[in-house]
Amino acid sequence: MRVHLISPRPPFVGATKRDKAIQFSRLSLVTVAALFPEDAEVQIINDSIDTIDFDQKVDLVGITSMTSTAPRAYEIADRFREKGVPVILGGFHVTALPQEASLHADAVIMGEAEGVMHDVINDLQIGKLKKFYQATEMPSLVGLPLPRWDLLNGSKYYSEVNMVQTTRGCPFNCAFCSVSDFYGRTYRTRPIPDVIREIKELSNRTVIFFVDDNIAGRPSYAKKLFKALIPLNIKWFGQGSVMIARDRELLELAARSGCLGLFMGFESLSNSNLRQVGKATNNVRNYSTVIKKIHGSGIGIVGAFIFGLDSDDDGVFEETVRFIENNQLELASFAILTPLPGTRLLKSMKEQGRIIELDWAKYTLGEVVFRPKLLTVDQLKDGYNWTRKHMSSYSSIFRRTLHFRKTALLSLPLNLLMRKSSRKFLKNARASRRA
C-alpha cells in the first residue's frame, strides 16, 4: 500500500523557507503515519516546500487541514480524486465542518485518528470506505506507537526542534479555541514511562517542544512528569497558562526539568475581554506578579495576545506594547480575533451578523474576518501590523532582552530571527494591499 500524507501550504504572505517548514503539521502526520501497517509505503509531503506529484501511483492520500489551509486541502483532494485516488481528510477544520469536507473526500475522519484508523485501513482494502469515521469514545493514550520521524527528509528546517505530546485536550474552554471541539471537554494524560521512552528514542534531544495545549493543566501529573524529565538533562519549551505561577513546587520542577520557556496566553489586558471569551482564570491585576515568578525561576515567556475583542479600542495596541516591554517578555505572539469553525465565538458572531468574510483562506489569525465593536476593520488590521512592526524593532528587542536573566542568551537571537520574518511579512502585506 502506497500512502501520501500531505500538509497543505498555508496562505501566509512573506514566509521565509524556515517559516514554511515550521508551519508544517509535523507531529500530526508522523503520528498518523505510525498507525499504518509496517509494510505500507508512507510518504509525508509538506506542500509549502515539497512538490506534489499528482501523477505518481498511490493507493491512498491523507490530508490534514486547519481552517486557513482548507481551500488548498480541498484543491489537492479534488485533483487526486479526479485521477481515481481515494482521499481521506482529517484535522481540526474538517472535524468542525465534516459535511463541507465530505464534498472533497472519499472519507472524513472527525477527531483523533487512533480510534478509527484500523477500521479505515480495513475498509480501504475491501473497497468499502465509509463517508465518515469518528471514534465512539476517546482513544486510549496508553502504548501509542512511536511517531514516524524517519519519514521526514532530514532537512535542517525539520531538525531544529523535536516535538513530543504528553497530554491531549485542555481543562479550559475558551470561546475562541477549537481544541475542545476536537478533543472533547477532556484532559487526558499519557503514561509517563511512554513519554520518557519516546524522548529517549529521539535522534536529537537537544531541544524538545511539548505540543500539549496546556502542559501543566493537571498539576499532579505535571509534577511527576517534570521529575521524570530531570535525569534526561534535556531543554524544552511548552505551552502553559498563568495558573502555573500559583504553584511554587510546580514552577520549580519545570525549571529543574529543563524548561527554557513557556508560550502563555495572556490574551488581553482587559478583564472584561477575558470574561467575554471565557478565560476567567486570567486576572490582569496578577499578570506582572505571574511574570516575575516565572522569570524568577529562570523560565522565559512568549506572551500571546489577541486584538479585536469587544472592549478593544484604538489604544489597545500601544497599551499592549508598553505592558510587554515594561515586563520584559522575551517574545510575544499576536493574533487578530478569529471566529474559527467549531468555536462558540463563531456561533455567537453569526447570530449577531458580524461575520464579513467566509473565505477560509483569510482565517489566518492575521486578517479581519468580522466586524469589531469599537474599531473599524482598517483600524484593527493597521494596529495589528503596527504592533508587529514595533515589536520587531531593535529598540523593542533590546529593551526586552538586555538583562541579566539567563533567558537573554536565547531570547535575543530568537527575536532577531522573528524580526526577519515579521519584516518580510509586513513588506509583502503592504504589496498585497496595494495590489
Protein backbone atom coordinates (compact mmCIF):
# COMPACT_ATOMS: atom_id res chain seq x y z
CA MET A 1 0.00 0.00 0.00
CA ARG A 2 1.41 3.37 -1.06
CA VAL A 3 0.21 6.29 1.04
CA HIS A 4 0.80 10.03 0.76
CA LEU A 5 0.17 12.14 3.87
CA ILE A 6 0.02 15.81 2.95
CA SER A 7 0.15 19.05 4.90
CA PRO A 8 -1.30 21.81 2.64
CA ARG A 9 0.58 25.07 2.39
CA PRO A 10 -0.86 27.98 4.38
CA PRO A 11 -1.86 31.19 2.61
CA PHE A 12 0.56 33.36 4.63
CA VAL A 13 2.34 36.05 2.68
CA GLY A 14 6.02 36.72 3.12
CA ALA A 15 7.00 33.42 4.70
CA THR A 16 10.68 32.50 4.64
CA LYS A 17 11.74 28.95 3.87
CA ARG A 18 12.28 28.35 7.59
CA ASP A 19 8.78 29.70 8.31
CA LYS A 20 7.30 27.40 5.70
CA ALA A 21 8.97 24.39 7.28
CA ILE A 22 7.92 25.38 10.79
CA GLN A 23 4.31 25.93 9.65
CA PHE A 24 4.13 22.22 8.95
CA SER A 25 1.95 19.72 10.78
CA ARG A 26 4.94 17.58 11.63
CA LEU A 27 3.76 15.73 14.71
CA SER A 28 0.23 15.12 13.45
CA LEU A 29 1.38 13.45 10.23
CA VAL A 30 4.20 11.36 11.71
CA THR A 31 1.72 10.25 14.39
CA VAL A 32 -0.84 9.17 11.78
CA ALA A 33 1.91 7.51 9.74
CA ALA A 34 2.69 5.26 12.71
CA LEU A 35 -0.85 3.85 12.56
CA PHE A 36 -0.34 2.22 9.15
CA PRO A 37 0.89 -1.38 8.78
CA GLU A 38 4.66 -1.81 8.72
CA ASP A 39 4.61 -2.88 5.06
CA ALA A 40 2.86 0.32 3.95
CA GLU A 41 4.99 2.75 1.92
CA VAL A 42 4.18 6.07 3.56
CA GLN A 43 5.46 9.40 2.26
CA ILE A 44 4.97 12.69 4.10
CA ILE A 45 4.69 15.80 1.93
CA ASN A 46 4.99 19.40 3.08
CA ASP A 47 3.14 21.33 0.37
CA SER A 48 4.95 24.53 1.36
CA ILE A 49 8.36 23.33 0.22
CA ASP A 50 7.77 19.96 -1.49
CA THR A 51 6.30 19.40 -4.95
CA ILE A 52 3.22 17.20 -5.07
CA ASP A 53 3.37 14.67 -7.91
CA PHE A 54 -0.27 14.14 -8.83
CA ASP A 55 0.73 11.53 -11.41
CA GLN A 56 2.60 9.27 -9.01
CA LYS A 57 0.89 5.94 -8.43
CA VAL A 58 -0.57 5.94 -4.93
CA ASP A 59 -3.26 3.89 -3.18
CA LEU A 60 -4.38 6.48 -0.63
CA VAL A 61 -3.95 10.18 0.09
CA GLY A 62 -4.49 11.58 3.57
CA ILE A 63 -4.66 15.34 4.05
CA THR A 64 -4.71 17.26 7.32
CA SER A 65 -6.30 20.68 7.44
CA MET A 66 -6.56 23.75 9.59
CA THR A 67 -9.16 26.33 8.63
CA SER A 68 -6.78 28.59 6.70
CA THR A 69 -5.42 25.63 4.71
CA ALA A 70 -8.83 24.11 3.94
CA PRO A 71 -9.18 25.64 0.44
CA ARG A 72 -5.77 24.28 -0.57
CA ALA A 73 -6.57 20.92 1.06
CA TYR A 74 -9.77 20.69 -0.99
CA GLU A 75 -7.90 21.63 -4.16
CA ILE A 76 -5.33 18.88 -3.61
CA ALA A 77 -8.04 16.37 -2.72
CA ASP A 78 -10.08 17.16 -5.82
CA ARG A 79 -7.08 16.69 -8.12
CA PHE A 80 -6.24 13.27 -6.69
CA ARG A 81 -9.88 12.15 -6.76
CA GLU A 82 -10.10 13.14 -10.43
CA LYS A 83 -7.41 10.51 -11.01
CA GLY A 84 -9.34 7.90 -9.06
CA VAL A 85 -7.20 8.03 -5.92
CA PRO A 86 -9.15 7.69 -2.65
CA VAL A 87 -8.70 10.70 -0.37
CA ILE A 88 -9.20 10.97 3.38
CA LEU A 89 -9.45 14.36 5.09
CA GLY A 90 -8.81 14.96 8.78
CA GLY A 91 -7.85 17.68 11.22
CA PHE A 92 -9.45 20.48 13.19
CA HIS A 93 -11.32 22.14 10.32
CA VAL A 94 -12.94 19.03 8.88
CA THR A 95 -13.89 17.86 12.37
CA ALA A 96 -15.85 21.10 12.77
CA LEU A 97 -17.32 21.01 9.24
CA PRO A 98 -17.48 17.36 8.15
CA GLN A 99 -20.29 17.87 5.63
CA GLU A 100 -18.32 20.57 3.83
CA ALA A 101 -15.21 18.39 3.80
CA SER A 102 -17.13 15.36 2.53
CA LEU A 103 -17.69 17.15 -0.79
CA HIS A 104 -13.96 16.79 -1.43
CA ALA A 105 -13.16 13.42 0.15
CA ASP A 106 -13.98 9.75 0.00
CA ALA A 107 -13.82 9.66 3.79
CA VAL A 108 -13.66 12.21 6.60
CA ILE A 109 -12.08 11.45 9.96
CA MET A 110 -13.57 13.51 12.77
CA GLY A 111 -11.41 13.90 15.85
CA GLU A 112 -8.40 11.74 16.70
CA ALA A 113 -7.24 9.13 14.22
CA GLU A 114 -6.15 6.47 16.72
CA GLY A 115 -9.68 5.31 17.42
CA VAL A 116 -10.62 4.70 13.78
CA MET A 117 -7.55 4.07 11.63
CA HIS A 118 -7.80 0.29 11.96
CA ASP A 119 -11.32 0.40 10.51
CA VAL A 120 -10.30 2.91 7.83
CA ILE A 121 -7.48 0.69 6.59
CA ASN A 122 -9.64 -2.45 6.60
CA ASP A 123 -12.45 -0.68 4.72
CA LEU A 124 -9.97 0.71 2.19
CA GLN A 125 -8.56 -2.74 1.48
CA ILE A 126 -12.00 -4.18 0.71
CA GLY A 127 -13.04 -1.10 -1.27
CA LYS A 128 -15.79 -0.02 1.11
CA LEU A 129 -14.69 3.25 2.69
CA LYS A 130 -17.38 4.91 4.77
CA LYS A 131 -18.02 8.62 4.32
CA PHE A 132 -17.44 9.49 7.98
CA TYR A 133 -15.35 7.99 10.77
CA GLN A 134 -15.45 9.05 14.40
CA ALA A 135 -14.47 7.07 17.46
CA THR A 136 -17.33 6.27 19.83
CA GLU A 137 -15.07 7.06 22.79
CA MET A 138 -11.83 8.93 23.31
CA PRO A 139 -8.87 6.78 22.20
CA SER A 140 -6.56 5.45 24.89
CA LEU A 141 -3.19 7.19 25.13
CA VAL A 142 -1.53 4.08 26.58
CA GLY A 143 1.12 2.42 24.43
CA LEU A 144 0.82 4.74 21.43
CA PRO A 145 3.21 3.79 18.60
CA LEU A 146 6.26 5.99 18.24
CA PRO A 147 5.85 8.80 15.67
CA ARG A 148 7.50 8.05 12.31
CA TRP A 149 10.15 10.76 12.40
CA ASP A 150 12.18 8.66 9.98
CA LEU A 151 9.80 9.70 7.20
CA LEU A 152 10.88 13.33 7.23
CA ASN A 153 13.56 14.22 4.76
CA GLY A 154 16.25 15.32 7.22
CA SER A 155 16.23 18.98 6.19
CA LYS A 156 17.73 21.24 8.83
CA TYR A 157 14.38 23.03 8.97
CA TYR A 158 12.81 19.89 10.38
CA SER A 159 15.54 19.01 12.86
CA GLU A 160 15.84 22.23 14.86
CA VAL A 161 13.26 21.21 17.48
CA ASN A 162 11.77 17.80 18.24
CA MET A 163 8.10 17.55 19.20
CA VAL A 164 6.51 15.35 21.86
CA GLN A 165 2.95 15.22 23.20
CA THR A 166 2.26 14.22 26.82
CA THR A 167 -1.42 15.21 27.13
CA ARG A 168 -4.41 15.90 24.91
CA GLY A 169 -7.13 18.45 25.46
CA CYS A 170 -7.32 21.46 27.73
CA PRO A 171 -9.07 21.98 31.08
CA PHE A 172 -10.33 25.34 29.86
CA ASN A 173 -12.94 26.05 27.18
CA CYS A 174 -12.17 29.46 25.70
CA ALA A 175 -14.76 30.80 23.25
CA PHE A 176 -12.19 31.37 20.50
CA CYS A 177 -10.47 27.96 20.77
CA SER A 178 -11.36 24.81 18.81
CA VAL A 179 -9.36 22.40 21.00
CA SER A 180 -12.42 21.29 22.98
CA ASP A 181 -14.39 20.68 19.78
CA PHE A 182 -11.64 18.38 18.52
CA TYR A 183 -10.59 16.58 21.70
CA GLY A 184 -13.82 16.94 23.65
CA ARG A 185 -14.12 18.50 27.09
CA THR A 186 -11.44 16.20 28.44
CA TYR A 187 -7.84 16.40 29.58
CA ARG A 188 -6.06 13.08 29.08
CA THR A 189 -2.54 12.12 30.03
CA ARG A 190 -0.09 9.62 28.60
CA PRO A 191 1.72 7.18 30.89
CA ILE A 192 4.94 8.91 31.90
CA PRO A 193 7.10 5.84 31.06
CA ASP A 194 5.71 6.02 27.49
CA VAL A 195 6.72 9.68 27.24
CA ILE A 196 10.22 9.01 28.57
CA ARG A 197 10.65 6.10 26.15
CA GLU A 198 9.64 8.32 23.24
CA ILE A 199 12.09 11.04 24.25
CA LYS A 200 14.93 8.53 24.58
CA GLU A 201 14.18 7.27 21.06
CA LEU A 202 14.63 10.73 19.52
CA SER A 203 17.77 11.05 17.44
CA ASN A 204 18.32 14.61 18.63
CA ARG A 205 17.26 15.53 22.16
CA THR A 206 18.96 18.94 22.28
CA VAL A 207 15.69 20.88 22.45
CA ILE A 208 12.17 19.47 22.71
CA PHE A 209 8.88 21.26 22.19
CA PHE A 210 5.98 19.73 24.11
CA VAL A 211 2.98 20.42 21.89
CA ASP A 212 0.39 19.97 24.67
CA ASP A 213 -2.15 22.78 24.71
CA ASN A 214 -1.51 23.15 28.44
CA ILE A 215 1.35 21.05 29.74
CA ALA A 216 0.54 21.84 33.38
CA GLY A 217 -3.23 21.51 33.03
CA ARG A 218 -3.19 18.77 35.67
CA PRO A 219 -0.53 19.83 38.21
CA SER A 220 -0.27 16.43 39.91
CA TYR A 221 0.60 14.77 36.59
CA ALA A 222 2.90 17.60 35.50
CA LYS A 223 4.95 17.33 38.70
CA LYS A 224 5.52 13.61 38.14
CA LEU A 225 6.41 14.26 34.51
CA PHE A 226 8.89 17.02 35.34
CA LYS A 227 10.57 14.84 37.98
CA ALA A 228 10.96 12.08 35.40
CA LEU A 229 12.49 14.53 32.91
CA ILE A 230 15.23 15.77 35.26
CA PRO A 231 17.61 12.80 34.75
CA LEU A 232 17.33 13.15 30.96
CA ASN A 233 19.11 16.52 31.07
CA ILE A 234 17.05 17.97 28.21
CA LYS A 235 15.99 21.51 27.39
CA TRP A 236 12.39 22.12 26.45
CA PHE A 237 9.66 24.58 25.56
CA GLY A 238 5.94 24.14 26.09
CA GLN A 239 2.58 25.82 26.34
CA GLY A 240 1.01 26.67 29.66
CA SER A 241 -1.32 29.05 31.44
CA VAL A 242 -0.76 31.73 34.06
CA MET A 243 -2.01 29.16 36.59
CA ILE A 244 1.44 27.58 36.73
CA ALA A 245 2.73 30.54 38.76
CA ARG A 246 0.32 29.72 41.58
CA ASP A 247 2.18 26.51 42.42
CA ARG A 248 5.74 27.16 43.53
CA GLU A 249 6.73 23.48 43.53
CA LEU A 250 5.34 23.00 40.02
CA LEU A 251 7.26 26.01 38.72
CA GLU A 252 10.50 24.91 40.38
CA LEU A 253 10.18 21.40 38.97
CA ALA A 254 9.53 22.79 35.48
CA ALA A 255 12.75 24.79 35.72
CA ARG A 256 14.76 21.86 37.09
CA SER A 257 13.47 19.60 34.31
CA GLY A 258 14.96 21.90 31.68
CA CYS A 259 12.15 24.30 30.79
CA LEU A 260 13.58 27.21 28.80
CA GLY A 261 10.31 28.97 28.08
CA LEU A 262 6.53 28.77 28.04
CA PHE A 263 4.08 30.02 25.43
CA MET A 264 1.42 31.64 27.59
CA GLY A 265 -1.97 33.05 26.62
CA PHE A 266 -2.42 36.38 28.37
CA GLU A 267 -4.90 37.16 25.56
CA SER A 268 -5.94 40.63 26.77
CA LEU A 269 -5.21 43.39 29.27
CA SER A 270 -8.95 43.80 29.90
CA ASN A 271 -10.76 41.62 32.43
CA SER A 272 -13.97 42.40 30.57
CA ASN A 273 -12.49 40.84 27.43
CA LEU A 274 -11.28 37.82 29.39
CA ARG A 275 -14.75 37.22 30.78
CA GLN A 276 -16.21 37.57 27.29
CA VAL A 277 -14.06 34.74 25.92
CA GLY A 278 -14.46 32.52 28.98
CA LYS A 279 -10.93 32.88 30.33
CA ALA A 280 -11.84 33.79 33.89
CA THR A 281 -8.72 32.02 35.20
CA ASN A 282 -6.73 35.03 33.98
CA ASN A 283 -6.74 38.23 36.03
CA VAL A 284 -4.97 41.24 34.58
CA ARG A 285 -4.11 42.58 38.04
CA ASN A 286 -1.96 39.50 38.64
CA TYR A 287 -0.12 39.46 35.32
CA SER A 288 3.02 41.29 36.45
CA THR A 289 3.31 39.10 39.56
CA VAL A 290 2.92 35.97 37.43
CA ILE A 291 5.65 37.15 35.08
CA LYS A 292 8.04 37.93 37.95
CA LYS A 293 7.53 34.48 39.47
CA ILE A 294 8.15 32.70 36.17
CA HIS A 295 11.17 34.86 35.35
CA GLY A 296 12.43 34.32 38.88
CA SER A 297 12.53 30.59 38.23
CA GLY A 298 14.69 31.13 35.14
CA ILE A 299 11.95 30.43 32.61
CA GLY A 300 11.28 32.73 29.66
CA ILE A 301 7.84 33.72 28.41
CA VAL A 302 6.29 34.01 24.97
CA GLY A 303 3.23 36.11 25.67
CA ALA A 304 0.23 35.59 23.38
CA PHE A 305 -2.23 38.45 22.83
CA ILE A 306 -5.43 38.77 20.82
CA PHE A 307 -6.62 42.01 19.21
CA GLY A 308 -10.22 42.78 18.26
CA LEU A 309 -12.06 41.70 21.40
CA ASP A 310 -15.19 43.67 22.21
CA SER A 311 -13.58 46.05 24.72
CA ASP A 312 -10.58 46.82 22.49
CA ASP A 313 -10.37 50.38 21.18
CA ASP A 314 -7.63 52.17 19.25
CA GLY A 315 -5.45 52.43 22.37
CA VAL A 316 -5.11 48.67 22.84
CA PHE A 317 -2.05 48.32 20.61
CA GLU A 318 0.19 50.83 22.40
CA GLU A 319 -1.07 49.61 25.78
CA THR A 320 -0.11 46.03 24.92
CA VAL A 321 3.33 47.04 23.67
CA ARG A 322 4.03 49.02 26.86
CA PHE A 323 2.97 46.07 29.00
CA ILE A 324 5.22 43.65 27.12
CA GLU A 325 8.24 45.94 27.26
CA ASN A 326 7.76 47.01 30.88
CA ASN A 327 7.54 43.37 31.94
CA GLN A 328 10.36 42.31 29.60
CA LEU A 329 8.56 39.41 27.99
CA GLU A 330 11.19 37.61 25.96
CA LEU A 331 8.92 37.11 22.96
CA ALA A 332 5.36 37.97 22.01
CA SER A 333 2.82 36.48 19.63
CA PHE A 334 -0.12 38.45 18.26
CA ALA A 335 -3.34 37.36 16.61
CA ILE A 336 -6.42 39.09 15.30
CA LEU A 337 -9.50 37.58 16.91
CA THR A 338 -10.69 34.89 14.50
CA PRO A 339 -14.01 33.01 14.90
CA LEU A 340 -12.90 29.54 13.83
CA PRO A 341 -15.38 26.80 12.93
CA GLY A 342 -16.25 24.67 15.92
CA THR A 343 -15.96 27.55 18.39
CA ARG A 344 -18.61 29.32 20.44
CA LEU A 345 -17.20 32.57 19.08
CA LEU A 346 -18.22 31.78 15.50
CA LYS A 347 -21.71 30.77 16.61
CA SER A 348 -22.26 34.00 18.55
CA MET A 349 -20.83 36.23 15.82
CA LYS A 350 -23.04 34.61 13.20
CA GLU A 351 -26.05 35.21 15.42
CA GLN A 352 -25.02 38.87 15.75
CA GLY A 353 -24.46 39.24 11.99
CA ARG A 354 -20.84 40.27 12.47
CA ILE A 355 -19.12 37.84 10.10
CA ILE A 356 -17.93 39.69 6.98
CA GLU A 357 -15.73 37.04 5.38
CA LEU A 358 -16.23 33.29 4.88
CA ASP A 359 -13.21 32.65 2.67
CA TRP A 360 -11.38 30.17 4.90
CA ALA A 361 -8.03 31.19 3.40
CA LYS A 362 -8.47 34.51 5.23
CA TYR A 363 -8.77 32.76 8.61
CA THR A 364 -5.03 33.01 9.28
CA LEU A 365 -5.29 34.91 12.61
CA GLY A 366 -3.76 37.85 10.76
CA GLU A 367 -6.81 39.01 8.78
CA VAL A 368 -10.03 40.68 9.92
CA VAL A 369 -12.99 38.46 9.08
CA PHE A 370 -15.60 40.01 11.38
CA ARG A 371 -16.91 43.45 12.30
CA PRO A 372 -15.24 44.70 15.53
CA LYS A 373 -17.26 46.64 18.10
CA LEU A 374 -15.03 49.61 18.96
CA LEU A 375 -12.65 49.55 16.00
CA THR A 376 -13.05 49.73 12.25
CA VAL A 377 -11.76 46.85 10.16
CA ASP A 378 -8.87 49.02 8.94
CA GLN A 379 -8.00 50.20 12.45
CA LEU A 380 -7.76 46.62 13.66
CA LYS A 381 -5.61 45.46 10.74
CA ASP A 382 -3.37 48.54 10.81
CA GLY A 383 -2.96 48.30 14.59
CA TYR A 384 -2.01 44.63 14.34
CA ASN A 385 0.59 45.41 11.67
CA TRP A 386 1.94 48.37 13.67
CA THR A 387 2.35 46.18 16.74
CA ARG A 388 4.26 43.52 14.82
CA LYS A 389 6.49 46.17 13.28
CA HIS A 390 7.20 47.87 16.61
CA MET A 391 7.91 44.62 18.45
CA SER A 392 10.40 43.60 15.77
CA SER A 393 12.28 46.91 16.04
CA TYR A 394 15.78 46.83 17.52
CA SER A 395 14.76 49.24 20.28
CA SER A 396 11.97 46.95 21.46
CA ILE A 397 14.07 43.81 21.17
CA PHE A 398 16.91 45.27 23.23
CA ARG A 399 14.51 46.73 25.79
CA ARG A 400 13.12 43.24 26.43
CA THR A 401 16.24 41.11 26.15
CA LEU A 402 19.16 43.12 27.55
CA HIS A 403 19.03 41.97 31.16
CA PHE A 404 20.96 39.61 33.41
CA ARG A 405 18.50 36.73 33.34
CA LYS A 406 19.86 33.62 31.66
CA THR A 407 16.97 33.69 29.18
CA ALA A 408 18.67 36.63 27.43
CA LEU A 409 21.17 34.27 25.80
CA LEU A 410 18.36 32.58 23.89
CA SER A 411 15.73 35.29 23.56
CA LEU A 412 17.97 37.79 21.74
CA PRO A 413 18.80 35.53 18.76
CA LEU A 414 15.19 34.28 18.63
CA ASN A 415 13.94 37.86 18.46
CA LEU A 416 16.36 38.64 15.66
CA LEU A 417 15.04 35.65 13.71
CA MET A 418 11.47 36.78 14.31
CA ARG A 419 12.40 40.30 13.21
CA LYS A 420 13.43 38.96 9.81
CA SER A 421 10.17 37.04 9.40
CA SER A 422 7.99 39.92 10.61
CA ARG A 423 9.65 42.46 8.34
CA LYS A 424 9.20 40.21 5.32
CA PHE A 425 5.57 39.55 6.29
CA LEU A 426 4.85 43.28 6.58
CA LYS A 427 6.60 44.10 3.31
CA ASN A 428 4.54 41.54 1.43
CA ALA A 429 1.36 42.55 3.25
CA ARG A 430 1.85 46.15 2.04
CA ALA A 431 2.46 44.95 -1.51
CA SER A 432 -0.64 42.75 -1.38
CA ARG A 433 -2.73 45.65 -0.09
CA ARG A 434 -1.58 47.97 -2.88
CA ALA A 435 -2.44 45.31 -5.45
